[in-house]
Every structure is written in C-alpha cells, then in structure tokens.
C-alpha cells in the first residue's frame, strides 16, 4: 500500500512541476486578438503551485527569477 501511495504522490508532484513549467513559460506573454492585446498574468497560479510543491518537499527557490 505504501509503495502505491508513493508512486501516486510522485505522479502528482511530476504533474504539478510540469504545469508550473508550462505556466511560467507563458506568464507575461502578450495575447493579440481582434485588434486588442493584453498580457497573460499567472502570478497567483504560480504562487499556488509553488506552495503545493513546497508542501511536497520540493525546493522552489530555483524557480525564482
């Protein structure tokens, strides 16, 4: 049972890490559509993912730019 839970938790951490990576790549980009433009701002989402990863024991200091 413990092995199954560890594998599950590992997959969750991997998914959070990948989500954070993709969101951070798009954060600050400018969207242009129908003559309008606006910046993408995912700071709150990144903070939530950082907090979640920190709870999972991941050092998030390397993510700060």
Protein backbone atom coordinates (compact mmCIF):
# COMPACT_ATOMS: atom_id res chain seq x y z
CA UNK A 1 0.00 0.00 0.00
CA UNK A 2 2.79 2.46 0.87
CA UNK A 3 4.52 1.81 -2.46
CA UNK A 4 1.30 2.52 -4.37
CA UNK A 5 0.78 5.76 -2.45
CA UNK A 6 4.39 6.85 -3.04
CA UNK A 7 4.03 6.23 -6.79
CA UNK A 8 0.77 8.18 -6.84
CA UNK A 9 2.31 11.09 -4.94
CA UNK A 10 5.31 11.05 -7.27
CA UNK A 11 2.99 11.33 -10.29
CA UNK A 12 1.16 14.24 -8.67
CA UNK A 13 4.40 16.08 -7.98
CA UNK A 14 5.52 15.46 -11.58
CA UNK A 15 2.23 16.88 -12.88
CA UNK A 16 2.46 19.98 -10.64
CA UNK A 17 6.05 20.53 -11.74
CA UNK A 18 5.15 20.22 -15.45
CA UNK A 19 2.14 22.53 -15.01
CA UNK A 20 4.33 25.10 -13.27
CA UNK A 21 6.91 24.88 -16.03
CA UNK A 22 4.35 25.44 -18.80
CA UNK A 23 2.51 28.23 -16.98
CA UNK A 24 5.78 30.04 -16.25
CA UNK A 25 6.72 29.93 -19.95
CA UNK A 26 3.51 31.76 -20.87
CA UNK A 27 3.43 34.16 -17.92
CA UNK A 28 3.95 37.73 -19.14
CA UNK A 29 3.35 36.93 -22.81
CA UNK A 30 1.13 39.33 -24.73
CA UNK A 31 -2.02 37.99 -26.38
CA UNK A 32 -3.25 39.75 -29.50
CA UNK A 33 -6.73 39.10 -30.85
CA UNK A 34 -9.16 41.17 -32.93
CA UNK A 35 -7.05 44.30 -32.63
CA UNK A 36 -6.77 44.08 -28.85
CA UNK A 37 -3.88 42.94 -26.74
CA UNK A 38 -3.35 42.06 -23.11
CA UNK A 39 -0.62 40.41 -21.03
CA UNK A 40 -1.03 36.97 -19.52
CA UNK A 41 -0.61 37.12 -15.77
CA UNK A 42 -0.30 33.79 -13.99
CA UNK A 43 1.49 35.03 -10.85
CA UNK A 44 -1.27 33.80 -8.49
CA UNK A 45 -1.31 30.37 -10.14
CA UNK A 46 2.47 30.15 -9.92
CA UNK A 47 2.36 31.06 -6.22
CA UNK A 48 -0.22 28.32 -5.59
CA UNK A 49 1.86 25.75 -7.45
CA UNK A 50 5.00 26.83 -5.58
CA UNK A 51 3.19 26.41 -2.26
CA UNK A 52 1.92 22.98 -3.29
CA UNK A 53 5.36 21.85 -4.44
CA UNK A 54 6.89 23.19 -1.23
CA UNK A 55 4.39 21.10 0.79
CA UNK A 56 5.56 18.10 -1.22
CA UNK A 57 9.15 18.79 -0.19
CA UNK A 58 10.35 20.36 -3.43
CA UNK A 59 12.78 23.28 -3.14
CA UNK A 60 11.12 26.01 -5.18
CA UNK A 61 13.87 28.61 -4.73
CA UNK A 62 15.36 27.61 -8.08
CA UNK A 63 12.13 28.69 -9.80
CA UNK A 64 12.51 32.33 -8.75
CA UNK A 65 13.88 34.51 -11.49
